[in-house]
Amino acid sequence: WAAMKAAYSVRIADRPDYGRAETFFNSVTRRVFATVGVDRNIEFVDS
């Protein structure tokens, strides 16, 4: 997932809606991990 986050960041870097795209990625991550707190390696905390 850390590798996925890095690759995803590259794909959305030039998009004007990157903030929503980051939130979308986090929604998938939290479905898989049911994260308590945050893990900056696998989800977007600060853009």
All heavy atoms as atom14 arrays in JSON, in Angstrom:
{
  "sequence": "WAAMKAAYSVRIADRPDYGRAETFFNSVTRRVFATVGVDRNIEFVDS",
  "atom14_mask": [
    [1, 1, 1, 1, 1, 1, 1, 1, 1, 1, 1, 1, 1, 1],
    [1, 1, 1, 1, 1, 0, 0, 0, 0, 0, 0, 0, 0, 0],
    [1, 1, 1, 1, 1, 0, 0, 0, 0, 0, 0, 0, 0, 0],
    [1, 1, 1, 1, 1, 1, 1, 1, 0, 0, 0, 0, 0, 0],
    [1, 1, 1, 1, 1, 1, 1, 1, 1, 0, 0, 0, 0, 0],
    [1, 1, 1, 1, 1, 0, 0, 0, 0, 0, 0, 0, 0, 0],
    [1, 1, 1, 1, 1, 0, 0, 0, 0, 0, 0, 0, 0, 0],
    [1, 1, 1, 1, 1, 1, 1, 1, 1, 1, 1, 1, 0, 0],
    [1, 1, 1, 1, 1, 1, 0, 0, 0, 0, 0, 0, 0, 0],
    [1, 1, 1, 1, 1, 1, 1, 0, 0, 0, 0, 0, 0, 0],
    [1, 1, 1, 1, 1, 1, 1, 1, 1, 1, 1, 0, 0, 0],
    [1, 1, 1, 1, 1, 1, 1, 1, 0, 0, 0, 0, 0, 0],
    [1, 1, 1, 1, 1, 0, 0, 0, 0, 0, 0, 0, 0, 0],
    [1, 1, 1, 1, 1, 1, 1, 1, 0, 0, 0, 0, 0, 0],
    [1, 1, 1, 1, 1, 1, 1, 1, 1, 1, 1, 0, 0, 0],
    [1, 1, 1, 1, 1, 1, 1, 0, 0, 0, 0, 0, 0, 0],
    [1, 1, 1, 1, 1, 1, 1, 1, 0, 0, 0, 0, 0, 0],
    [1, 1, 1, 1, 1, 1, 1, 1, 1, 1, 1, 1, 0, 0],
    [1, 1, 1, 1, 0, 0, 0, 0, 0, 0, 0, 0, 0, 0],
    [1, 1, 1, 1, 1, 1, 1, 1, 1, 1, 1, 0, 0, 0],
    [1, 1, 1, 1, 1, 0, 0, 0, 0, 0, 0, 0, 0, 0],
    [1, 1, 1, 1, 1, 1, 1, 1, 1, 0, 0, 0, 0, 0],
    [1, 1, 1, 1, 1, 1, 1, 0, 0, 0, 0, 0, 0, 0],
    [1, 1, 1, 1, 1, 1, 1, 1, 1, 1, 1, 0, 0, 0],
    [1, 1, 1, 1, 1, 1, 1, 1, 1, 1, 1, 0, 0, 0],
    [1, 1, 1, 1, 1, 1, 1, 1, 0, 0, 0, 0, 0, 0],
    [1, 1, 1, 1, 1, 1, 0, 0, 0, 0, 0, 0, 0, 0],
    [1, 1, 1, 1, 1, 1, 1, 0, 0, 0, 0, 0, 0, 0],
    [1, 1, 1, 1, 1, 1, 1, 0, 0, 0, 0, 0, 0, 0],
    [1, 1, 1, 1, 1, 1, 1, 1, 1, 1, 1, 0, 0, 0],
    [1, 1, 1, 1, 1, 1, 1, 1, 1, 1, 1, 0, 0, 0],
    [1, 1, 1, 1, 1, 1, 1, 0, 0, 0, 0, 0, 0, 0],
    [1, 1, 1, 1, 1, 1, 1, 1, 1, 1, 1, 0, 0, 0],
    [1, 1, 1, 1, 1, 0, 0, 0, 0, 0, 0, 0, 0, 0],
    [1, 1, 1, 1, 1, 1, 1, 0, 0, 0, 0, 0, 0, 0],
    [1, 1, 1, 1, 1, 1, 1, 0, 0, 0, 0, 0, 0, 0],
    [1, 1, 1, 1, 0, 0, 0, 0, 0, 0, 0, 0, 0, 0],
    [1, 1, 1, 1, 1, 1, 1, 0, 0, 0, 0, 0, 0, 0],
    [1, 1, 1, 1, 1, 1, 1, 1, 0, 0, 0, 0, 0, 0],
    [1, 1, 1, 1, 1, 1, 1, 1, 1, 1, 1, 0, 0, 0],
    [1, 1, 1, 1, 1, 1, 1, 1, 0, 0, 0, 0, 0, 0],
    [1, 1, 1, 1, 1, 1, 1, 1, 0, 0, 0, 0, 0, 0],
    [1, 1, 1, 1, 1, 1, 1, 1, 1, 0, 0, 0, 0, 0],
    [1, 1, 1, 1, 1, 1, 1, 1, 1, 1, 1, 0, 0, 0],
    [1, 1, 1, 1, 1, 1, 1, 0, 0, 0, 0, 0, 0, 0],
    [1, 1, 1, 1, 1, 1, 1, 1, 0, 0, 0, 0, 0, 0],
    [1, 1, 1, 1, 1, 1, 0, 0, 0, 0, 0, 0, 0, 0]
  ],
  "atom14_positions": [
    [[0.82, -1.21, 0.0], [0.0, 0.0, 0.0], [0.85, 1.27, 0.0], [0.45, 2.29, -0.56], [-0.96, -0.02, 1.19], [-2.13, -0.91, 0.9], [-2.22, -2.26, 1.12], [-3.36, -0.52, 0.29], [-3.43, -2.73, 0.68], [-4.14, -1.69, 0.18], [-3.87, 0.69, -0.16], [-5.43, -1.67, -0.38], [-5.14, 0.71, -0.71], [-5.9, -0.45, -0.82]],
    [[2.02, 1.21, 0.62], [2.93, 2.36, 0.55], [3.38, 2.58, -0.89], [3.45, 3.72, -1.37], [4.13, 2.14, 1.46], [0.0, 0.0, 0.0], [0.0, 0.0, 0.0], [0.0, 0.0, 0.0], [0.0, 0.0, 0.0], [0.0, 0.0, 0.0], [0.0, 0.0, 0.0], [0.0, 0.0, 0.0], [0.0, 0.0, 0.0], [0.0, 0.0, 0.0]],
    [[3.66, 1.49, -1.6], [4.03, 1.6, -3.01], [2.86, 2.11, -3.84], [3.03, 2.91, -4.77], [4.5, 0.24, -3.53], [0.0, 0.0, 0.0], [0.0, 0.0, 0.0], [0.0, 0.0, 0.0], [0.0, 0.0, 0.0], [0.0, 0.0, 0.0], [0.0, 0.0, 0.0], [0.0, 0.0, 0.0], [0.0, 0.0, 0.0], [0.0, 0.0, 0.0]],
    [[1.65, 1.68, -3.48], [0.45, 2.15, -4.2], [0.23, 3.64, -3.97], [-0.1, 4.38, -4.9], [-0.76, 1.35, -3.75], [-0.78, -0.08, -4.29], [-2.05, -1.13, -3.51], [-3.54, -0.17, -3.83], [0.0, 0.0, 0.0], [0.0, 0.0, 0.0], [0.0, 0.0, 0.0], [0.0, 0.0, 0.0], [0.0, 0.0, 0.0], [0.0, 0.0, 0.0]],
    [[0.42, 4.08, -2.74], [0.25, 5.51, -2.45], [1.24, 6.33, -3.27], [0.88, 7.37, -3.84], [0.43, 5.78, -0.96], [0.27, 7.27, -0.62], [0.68, 7.56, 0.81], [0.66, 9.08, 1.05], [1.24, 9.46, 2.34], [0.0, 0.0, 0.0], [0.0, 0.0, 0.0], [0.0, 0.0, 0.0], [0.0, 0.0, 0.0], [0.0, 0.0, 0.0]],
    [[2.5, 5.88, -3.33], [3.51, 6.61, -4.1], [3.16, 6.65, -5.58], [3.24, 7.71, -6.23], [4.88, 5.96, -3.89], [0.0, 0.0, 0.0], [0.0, 0.0, 0.0], [0.0, 0.0, 0.0], [0.0, 0.0, 0.0], [0.0, 0.0, 0.0], [0.0, 0.0, 0.0], [0.0, 0.0, 0.0], [0.0, 0.0, 0.0], [0.0, 0.0, 0.0]],
    [[2.72, 5.53, -6.13], [2.36, 5.48, -7.55], [1.12, 6.31, -7.83], [1.02, 6.98, -8.87], [2.13, 4.03, -7.98], [0.0, 0.0, 0.0], [0.0, 0.0, 0.0], [0.0, 0.0, 0.0], [0.0, 0.0, 0.0], [0.0, 0.0, 0.0], [0.0, 0.0, 0.0], [0.0, 0.0, 0.0], [0.0, 0.0, 0.0], [0.0, 0.0, 0.0]],
    [[0.18, 6.28, -6.91], [-1.06, 7.06, -7.06], [-0.76, 8.56, -7.03], [-1.34, 9.34, -7.8], [-2.02, 6.69, -5.94], [-3.41, 7.25, -6.04], [-4.36, 6.68, -6.88], [-3.8, 8.33, -5.26], [-5.66, 7.17, -6.95], [-5.09, 8.83, -5.31], [-6.01, 8.25, -6.16], [-7.3, 8.75, -6.23], [0.0, 0.0, 0.0], [0.0, 0.0, 0.0]],
    [[0.16, 8.97, -6.16], [0.54, 10.38, -6.08], [1.06, 10.89, -7.42], [0.77, 12.01, -7.84], [1.61, 10.59, -5.0], [1.1, 10.35, -3.72], [0.0, 0.0, 0.0], [0.0, 0.0, 0.0], [0.0, 0.0, 0.0], [0.0, 0.0, 0.0], [0.0, 0.0, 0.0], [0.0, 0.0, 0.0], [0.0, 0.0, 0.0], [0.0, 0.0, 0.0]],
    [[1.85, 10.05, -8.09], [2.37, 10.44, -9.4], [1.24, 10.61, -10.4], [1.23, 11.55, -11.2], [3.38, 9.38, -9.91], [3.79, 9.68, -11.34], [4.6, 9.35, -9.0], [0.0, 0.0, 0.0], [0.0, 0.0, 0.0], [0.0, 0.0, 0.0], [0.0, 0.0, 0.0], [0.0, 0.0, 0.0], [0.0, 0.0, 0.0], [0.0, 0.0, 0.0]],
    [[0.24, 9.72, -10.33], [-0.85, 9.75, -11.3], [-1.75, 10.97, -11.13], [-2.36, 11.44, -12.1], [-1.7, 8.48, -11.18], [-1.0, 7.19, -11.61], [-0.82, 7.16, -13.12], [-2.09, 7.12, -13.82], [-2.69, 6.01, -14.23], [-2.11, 4.83, -14.01], [-3.84, 6.07, -14.88], [0.0, 0.0, 0.0], [0.0, 0.0, 0.0], [0.0, 0.0, 0.0]],
    [[-1.87, 11.51, -9.91], [-2.8, 12.62, -9.68], [-2.08, 13.96, -9.51], [-2.73, 14.97, -9.24], [-3.68, 12.36, -8.43], [-2.83, 12.33, -7.15], [-4.47, 11.06, -8.6], [-3.65, 12.27, -5.87], [0.0, 0.0, 0.0], [0.0, 0.0, 0.0], [0.0, 0.0, 0.0], [0.0, 0.0, 0.0], [0.0, 0.0, 0.0], [0.0, 0.0, 0.0]],
    [[-0.78, 13.98, -9.7], [0.02, 15.17, -9.38], [-0.44, 16.42, -10.12], [-0.43, 17.52, -9.57], [1.5, 14.9, -9.68], [0.0, 0.0, 0.0], [0.0, 0.0, 0.0], [0.0, 0.0, 0.0], [0.0, 0.0, 0.0], [0.0, 0.0, 0.0], [0.0, 0.0, 0.0], [0.0, 0.0, 0.0], [0.0, 0.0, 0.0], [0.0, 0.0, 0.0]],
    [[-0.87, 16.29, -11.37], [-1.23, 17.45, -12.18], [-2.73, 17.7, -12.23], [-3.19, 18.53, -13.03], [-0.68, 17.28, -13.6], [0.84, 17.26, -13.64], [1.45, 17.97, -12.81], [1.42, 16.54, -14.47], [0.0, 0.0, 0.0], [0.0, 0.0, 0.0], [0.0, 0.0, 0.0], [0.0, 0.0, 0.0], [0.0, 0.0, 0.0], [0.0, 0.0, 0.0]],
    [[-3.48, 17.01, -11.41], [-4.93, 17.17, -11.45], [-5.38, 18.32, -10.55], [-4.88, 18.46, -9.42], [-5.62, 15.88, -11.0], [-5.33, 14.7, -11.89], [-6.04, 13.46, -11.38], [-7.48, 13.63, -11.35], [-8.35, 12.74, -11.84], [-7.91, 11.62, -12.4], [-9.64, 12.97, -11.78], [0.0, 0.0, 0.0], [0.0, 0.0, 0.0], [0.0, 0.0, 0.0]],
    [[-6.33, 19.13, -10.98], [-6.84, 20.19, -10.1], [-7.67, 19.64, -8.94], [-7.85, 20.32, -7.94], [-7.71, 21.04, -11.05], [-8.1, 20.1, -12.15], [-6.94, 19.17, -12.33], [0.0, 0.0, 0.0], [0.0, 0.0, 0.0], [0.0, 0.0, 0.0], [0.0, 0.0, 0.0], [0.0, 0.0, 0.0], [0.0, 0.0, 0.0], [0.0, 0.0, 0.0]],
    [[-8.16, 18.4, -9.07], [-8.99, 17.8, -8.02], [-8.2, 16.8, -7.18], [-8.76, 15.84, -6.66], [-10.22, 17.13, -8.63], [-9.85, 16.05, -9.65], [-8.65, 15.91, -9.98], [-10.76, 15.36, -10.14], [0.0, 0.0, 0.0], [0.0, 0.0, 0.0], [0.0, 0.0, 0.0], [0.0, 0.0, 0.0], [0.0, 0.0, 0.0], [0.0, 0.0, 0.0]],
    [[-6.88, 17.03, -7.06], [-6.05, 16.06, -6.35], [-6.49, 15.85, -4.9], [-6.33, 14.77, -4.33], [-4.57, 16.46, -6.39], [-4.24, 17.75, -5.68], [-4.09, 17.8, -4.3], [-4.08, 18.94, -6.39], [-3.78, 18.98, -3.65], [-3.78, 20.12, -5.74], [-3.63, 20.14, -4.38], [-3.34, 21.32, -3.74], [0.0, 0.0, 0.0], [0.0, 0.0, 0.0]],
    [[-7.06, 16.88, -4.27], [-7.52, 16.74, -2.89], [-8.61, 15.69, -2.77], [-8.59, 14.84, -1.87], [0.0, 0.0, 0.0], [0.0, 0.0, 0.0], [0.0, 0.0, 0.0], [0.0, 0.0, 0.0], [0.0, 0.0, 0.0], [0.0, 0.0, 0.0], [0.0, 0.0, 0.0], [0.0, 0.0, 0.0], [0.0, 0.0, 0.0], [0.0, 0.0, 0.0]],
    [[-9.59, 15.75, -3.67], [-10.65, 14.74, -3.67], [-10.1, 13.37, -4.03], [-10.55, 12.34, -3.5], [-11.77, 15.14, -4.63], [-12.58, 16.34, -4.17], [-13.83, 16.53, -4.99], [-13.54, 16.83, -6.39], [-13.29, 18.04, -6.86], [-13.3, 19.08, -6.03], [-13.06, 18.26, -8.15], [0.0, 0.0, 0.0], [0.0, 0.0, 0.0], [0.0, 0.0, 0.0]],
    [[-9.12, 13.35, -4.94], [-8.51, 12.08, -5.34], [-7.79, 11.44, -4.15], [-7.82, 10.21, -3.98], [-7.55, 12.3, -6.5], [0.0, 0.0, 0.0], [0.0, 0.0, 0.0], [0.0, 0.0, 0.0], [0.0, 0.0, 0.0], [0.0, 0.0, 0.0], [0.0, 0.0, 0.0], [0.0, 0.0, 0.0], [0.0, 0.0, 0.0], [0.0, 0.0, 0.0]],
    [[-7.14, 12.24, -3.34], [-6.46, 11.71, -2.15], [-7.48, 11.13, -1.16], [-7.27, 10.05, -0.59], [-5.63, 12.81, -1.49], [-4.41, 13.23, -2.29], [-3.68, 14.42, -1.68], [-4.3, 15.17, -0.9], [-2.49, 14.58, -1.96], [0.0, 0.0, 0.0], [0.0, 0.0, 0.0], [0.0, 0.0, 0.0], [0.0, 0.0, 0.0], [0.0, 0.0, 0.0]],
    [[-8.58, 11.84, -0.96], [-9.63, 11.36, -0.06], [-10.21, 10.04, -0.56], [-10.5, 9.13, 0.22], [-10.74, 12.41, 0.07], [-10.19, 13.61, 0.62], [-11.86, 11.92, 0.98], [0.0, 0.0, 0.0], [0.0, 0.0, 0.0], [0.0, 0.0, 0.0], [0.0, 0.0, 0.0], [0.0, 0.0, 0.0], [0.0, 0.0, 0.0], [0.0, 0.0, 0.0]],
    [[-10.37, 9.93, -1.87], [-10.89, 8.7, -2.47], [-9.97, 7.53, -2.17], [-10.42, 6.44, -1.78], [-11.04, 8.91, -3.98], [-11.74, 7.8, -4.7], [-13.12, 7.73, -4.73], [-11.02, 6.82, -5.36], [-13.78, 6.7, -5.39], [-11.65, 5.78, -6.03], [-13.04, 5.73, -6.05], [0.0, 0.0, 0.0], [0.0, 0.0, 0.0], [0.0, 0.0, 0.0]],
    [[-8.67, 7.73, -2.34], [-7.69, 6.69, -2.03], [-7.79, 6.28, -0.56], [-7.76, 5.08, -0.23], [-6.28, 7.19, -2.35], [-5.19, 6.18, -2.14], [-4.81, 5.32, -3.16], [-4.54, 6.07, -0.91], [-3.8, 4.38, -2.97], [-3.53, 5.13, -0.71], [-3.17, 4.28, -1.75], [0.0, 0.0, 0.0], [0.0, 0.0, 0.0], [0.0, 0.0, 0.0]],
    [[-7.92, 7.26, 0.32], [-8.04, 6.96, 1.76], [-9.27, 6.11, 2.05], [-9.24, 5.26, 2.96], [-8.11, 8.25, 2.57], [-6.79, 8.98, 2.64], [-5.76, 8.47, 2.2], [-6.81, 10.18, 3.19], [0.0, 0.0, 0.0], [0.0, 0.0, 0.0], [0.0, 0.0, 0.0], [0.0, 0.0, 0.0], [0.0, 0.0, 0.0], [0.0, 0.0, 0.0]],
    [[-10.35, 6.33, 1.3], [-11.57, 5.55, 1.53], [-11.33, 4.07, 1.27], [-11.84, 3.21, 1.99], [-12.7, 6.07, 0.63], [-13.05, 7.39, 0.95], [0.0, 0.0, 0.0], [0.0, 0.0, 0.0], [0.0, 0.0, 0.0], [0.0, 0.0, 0.0], [0.0, 0.0, 0.0], [0.0, 0.0, 0.0], [0.0, 0.0, 0.0], [0.0, 0.0, 0.0]],
    [[-10.55, 3.79, 0.23], [-10.23, 2.4, -0.08], [-9.31, 1.82, 0.99], [-9.51, 0.69, 1.48], [-9.56, 2.28, -1.47], [-9.34, 0.81, -1.83], [-10.39, 2.97, -2.54], [0.0, 0.0, 0.0], [0.0, 0.0, 0.0], [0.0, 0.0, 0.0], [0.0, 0.0, 0.0], [0.0, 0.0, 0.0], [0.0, 0.0, 0.0], [0.0, 0.0, 0.0]],
    [[-8.28, 2.57, 1.38], [-7.34, 2.11, 2.4], [-8.07, 1.75, 3.69], [-7.82, 0.71, 4.31], [-6.3, 3.2, 2.69], [-5.63, 3.54, 1.48], [-5.28, 2.73, 3.7], [0.0, 0.0, 0.0], [0.0, 0.0, 0.0], [0.0, 0.0, 0.0], [0.0, 0.0, 0.0], [0.0, 0.0, 0.0], [0.0, 0.0, 0.0], [0.0, 0.0, 0.0]],
    [[-8.99, 2.61, 4.11], [-9.66, 2.38, 5.4], [-10.66, 1.24, 5.32], [-10.98, 0.64, 6.35], [-10.31, 3.68, 5.86], [-9.26, 4.71, 6.22], [-9.77, 5.84, 7.09], [-8.6, 6.53, 7.67], [-8.44, 6.75, 8.95], [-9.33, 6.3, 9.81], [-7.38, 7.38, 9.39], [0.0, 0.0, 0.0], [0.0, 0.0, 0.0], [0.0, 0.0, 0.0]],
    [[-11.16, 0.95, 4.14], [-11.99, -0.24, 3.99], [-11.18, -1.51, 4.25], [-11.65, -2.46, 4.85], [-12.58, -0.3, 2.59], [-13.77, 0.59, 2.35], [-15.0, 0.1, 3.13], [-16.18, 0.84, 2.75], [-16.98, 0.48, 1.75], [-16.71, -0.6, 1.05], [-18.02, 1.21, 1.46], [0.0, 0.0, 0.0], [0.0, 0.0, 0.0], [0.0, 0.0, 0.0]],
    [[-9.95, -1.5, 3.78], [-9.1, -2.69, 3.91], [-8.54, -2.83, 5.32], [-8.54, -3.92, 5.9], [-7.95, -2.65, 2.89], [-6.95, -3.78, 3.13], [-8.5, -2.72, 1.47], [0.0, 0.0, 0.0], [0.0, 0.0, 0.0], [0.0, 0.0, 0.0], [0.0, 0.0, 0.0], [0.0, 0.0, 0.0], [0.0, 0.0, 0.0], [0.0, 0.0, 0.0]],
    [[-8.1, -1.73, 5.9], [-7.39, -1.8, 7.18], [-8.25, -1.42, 8.38], [-7.84, -1.67, 9.52], [-6.15, -0.89, 7.15], [-5.08, -1.38, 6.23], [-4.98, -0.9, 4.93], [-4.17, -2.34, 6.66], [-3.98, -1.36, 4.08], [-3.17, -2.81, 5.82], [-3.08, -2.32, 4.52], [0.0, 0.0, 0.0], [0.0, 0.0, 0.0], [0.0, 0.0, 0.0]],
    [[-9.42, -0.79, 8.15], [-10.23, -0.31, 9.27], [-9.34, 0.44, 10.26], [-9.32, 0.19, 11.47], [-10.95, -1.45, 9.97], [0.0, 0.0, 0.0], [0.0, 0.0, 0.0], [0.0, 0.0, 0.0], [0.0, 0.0, 0.0], [0.0, 0.0, 0.0], [0.0, 0.0, 0.0], [0.0, 0.0, 0.0], [0.0, 0.0, 0.0], [0.0, 0.0, 0.0]],
    [[-8.57, 1.38, 9.73], [-7.5, 2.05, 10.48], [-8.04, 2.81, 11.68], [-9.02, 3.53, 11.59], [-6.75, 3.04, 9.56], [-6.39, 2.35, 8.37], [-5.52, 3.58, 10.25], [0.0, 0.0, 0.0], [0.0, 0.0, 0.0], [0.0, 0.0, 0.0], [0.0, 0.0, 0.0], [0.0, 0.0, 0.0], [0.0, 0.0, 0.0], [0.0, 0.0, 0.0]],
    [[-7.39, 2.62, 12.83], [-7.61, 3.46, 14.0], [-6.45, 4.44, 14.06], [-5.29, 4.03, 14.12], [-7.69, 2.63, 15.28], [-7.85, 3.54, 16.49], [-8.84, 1.64, 15.21], [0.0, 0.0, 0.0], [0.0, 0.0, 0.0], [0.0, 0.0, 0.0], [0.0, 0.0, 0.0], [0.0, 0.0, 0.0], [0.0, 0.0, 0.0], [0.0, 0.0, 0.0]],
    [[-6.73, 5.74, 14.07], [-5.67, 6.72, 13.93], [-5.28, 6.84, 12.47], [-6.07, 6.56, 11.58], [0.0, 0.0, 0.0], [0.0, 0.0, 0.0], [0.0, 0.0, 0.0], [0.0, 0.0, 0.0], [0.0, 0.0, 0.0], [0.0, 0.0, 0.0], [0.0, 0.0, 0.0], [0.0, 0.0, 0.0], [0.0, 0.0, 0.0], [0.0, 0.0, 0.0]],
    [[-4.05, 7.26, 12.23], [-3.6, 7.46, 10.85], [-2.26, 6.78, 10.63], [-1.48, 6.61, 11.55], [-3.49, 8.97, 10.51], [-4.83, 9.65, 10.58], [-2.48, 9.66, 11.44], [0.0, 0.0, 0.0], [0.0, 0.0, 0.0], [0.0, 0.0, 0.0], [0.0, 0.0, 0.0], [0.0, 0.0, 0.0], [0.0, 0.0, 0.0], [0.0, 0.0, 0.0]],
    [[-2.05, 6.39, 9.4], [-0.77, 5.82, 9.0], [-0.32, 6.57, 7.75], [-0.85, 6.36, 6.66], [-0.9, 4.32, 8.71], [0.44, 3.66, 8.39], [1.39, 4.38, 8.05], [0.52, 2.43, 8.47], [0.0, 0.0, 0.0], [0.0, 0.0, 0.0], [0.0, 0.0, 0.0], [0.0, 0.0, 0.0], [0.0, 0.0, 0.0], [0.0, 0.0, 0.0]],
    [[0.62, 7.48, 7.92], [1.05, 8.34, 6.83], [1.69, 7.57, 5.67], [1.81, 8.08, 4.58], [2.03, 9.4, 7.34], [1.4, 10.39, 8.31], [2.42, 11.34, 8.89], [1.8, 12.27, 9.82], [1.28, 13.44, 9.45], [1.33, 13.8, 8.19], [0.73, 14.23, 10.34], [0.0, 0.0, 0.0], [0.0, 0.0, 0.0], [0.0, 0.0, 0.0]],
    [[2.13, 6.35, 5.93], [2.77, 5.57, 4.87], [1.76, 5.07, 3.84], [2.11, 4.89, 2.67], [3.51, 4.37, 5.46], [4.76, 4.78, 6.2], [5.46, 5.69, 5.8], [5.03, 4.11, 7.32], [0.0, 0.0, 0.0], [0.0, 0.0, 0.0], [0.0, 0.0, 0.0], [0.0, 0.0, 0.0], [0.0, 0.0, 0.0], [0.0, 0.0, 0.0]],
    [[0.52, 4.85, 4.25], [-0.45, 4.23, 3.35], [-1.68, 5.09, 3.09], [-2.56, 4.69, 2.34], [-0.9, 2.85, 3.89], [-1.66, 3.0, 5.2], [0.29, 1.93, 4.06], [-2.31, 1.71, 5.69], [0.0, 0.0, 0.0], [0.0, 0.0, 0.0], [0.0, 0.0, 0.0], [0.0, 0.0, 0.0], [0.0, 0.0, 0.0], [0.0, 0.0, 0.0]],
    [[-1.78, 6.26, 3.7], [-2.91, 7.15, 3.44], [-2.44, 8.6, 3.45], [-1.4, 8.92, 4.01], [-4.04, 6.93, 4.44], [-3.66, 7.19, 5.88], [-4.78, 6.84, 6.85], [-5.94, 7.2, 6.57], [-4.5, 6.21, 7.88], [0.0, 0.0, 0.0], [0.0, 0.0, 0.0], [0.0, 0.0, 0.0], [0.0, 0.0, 0.0], [0.0, 0.0, 0.0]],
    [[-3.24, 9.43, 2.83], [-2.92, 10.85, 2.74], [-3.44, 11.55, 3.99], [-4.63, 11.5, 4.29], [-3.55, 11.47, 1.49], [-2.99, 10.91, 0.21], [-3.62, 9.85, -0.43], [-1.84, 11.45, -0.36], [-3.11, 9.34, -1.62], [-1.32, 10.94, -1.54], [-1.96, 9.87, -2.17], [0.0, 0.0, 0.0], [0.0, 0.0, 0.0], [0.0, 0.0, 0.0]],
    [[-2.55, 12.18, 4.72], [-2.93, 12.95, 5.9], [-2.86, 14.43, 5.54], [-3.87, 15.12, 5.46], [-2.02, 12.62, 7.1], [-2.44, 13.42, 8.33], [-2.08, 11.12, 7.39], [0.0, 0.0, 0.0], [0.0, 0.0, 0.0], [0.0, 0.0, 0.0], [0.0, 0.0, 0.0], [0.0, 0.0, 0.0], [0.0, 0.0, 0.0], [0.0, 0.0, 0.0]],
    [[-1.65, 14.93, 5.33], [-1.47, 16.23, 4.7], [-1.26, 15.96, 3.22], [-0.6, 14.99, 2.85], [-0.26, 16.96, 5.28], [-0.42, 17.23, 6.76], [-1.54, 17.61, 7.15], [0.55, 17.03, 7.51], [0.0, 0.0, 0.0], [0.0, 0.0, 0.0], [0.0, 0.0, 0.0], [0.0, 0.0, 0.0], [0.0, 0.0, 0.0], [0.0, 0.0, 0.0]],
    [[-1.82, 16.82, 2.38], [-1.69, 16.59, 0.94], [-0.23, 16.51, 0.52], [0.64, 17.17, 1.08], [-2.39, 17.71, 0.16], [-2.21, 17.53, -1.22], [0.0, 0.0, 0.0], [0.0, 0.0, 0.0], [0.0, 0.0, 0.0], [0.0, 0.0, 0.0], [0.0, 0.0, 0.0], [0.0, 0.0, 0.0], [0.0, 0.0, 0.0], [0.0, 0.0, 0.0]]
  ]
}
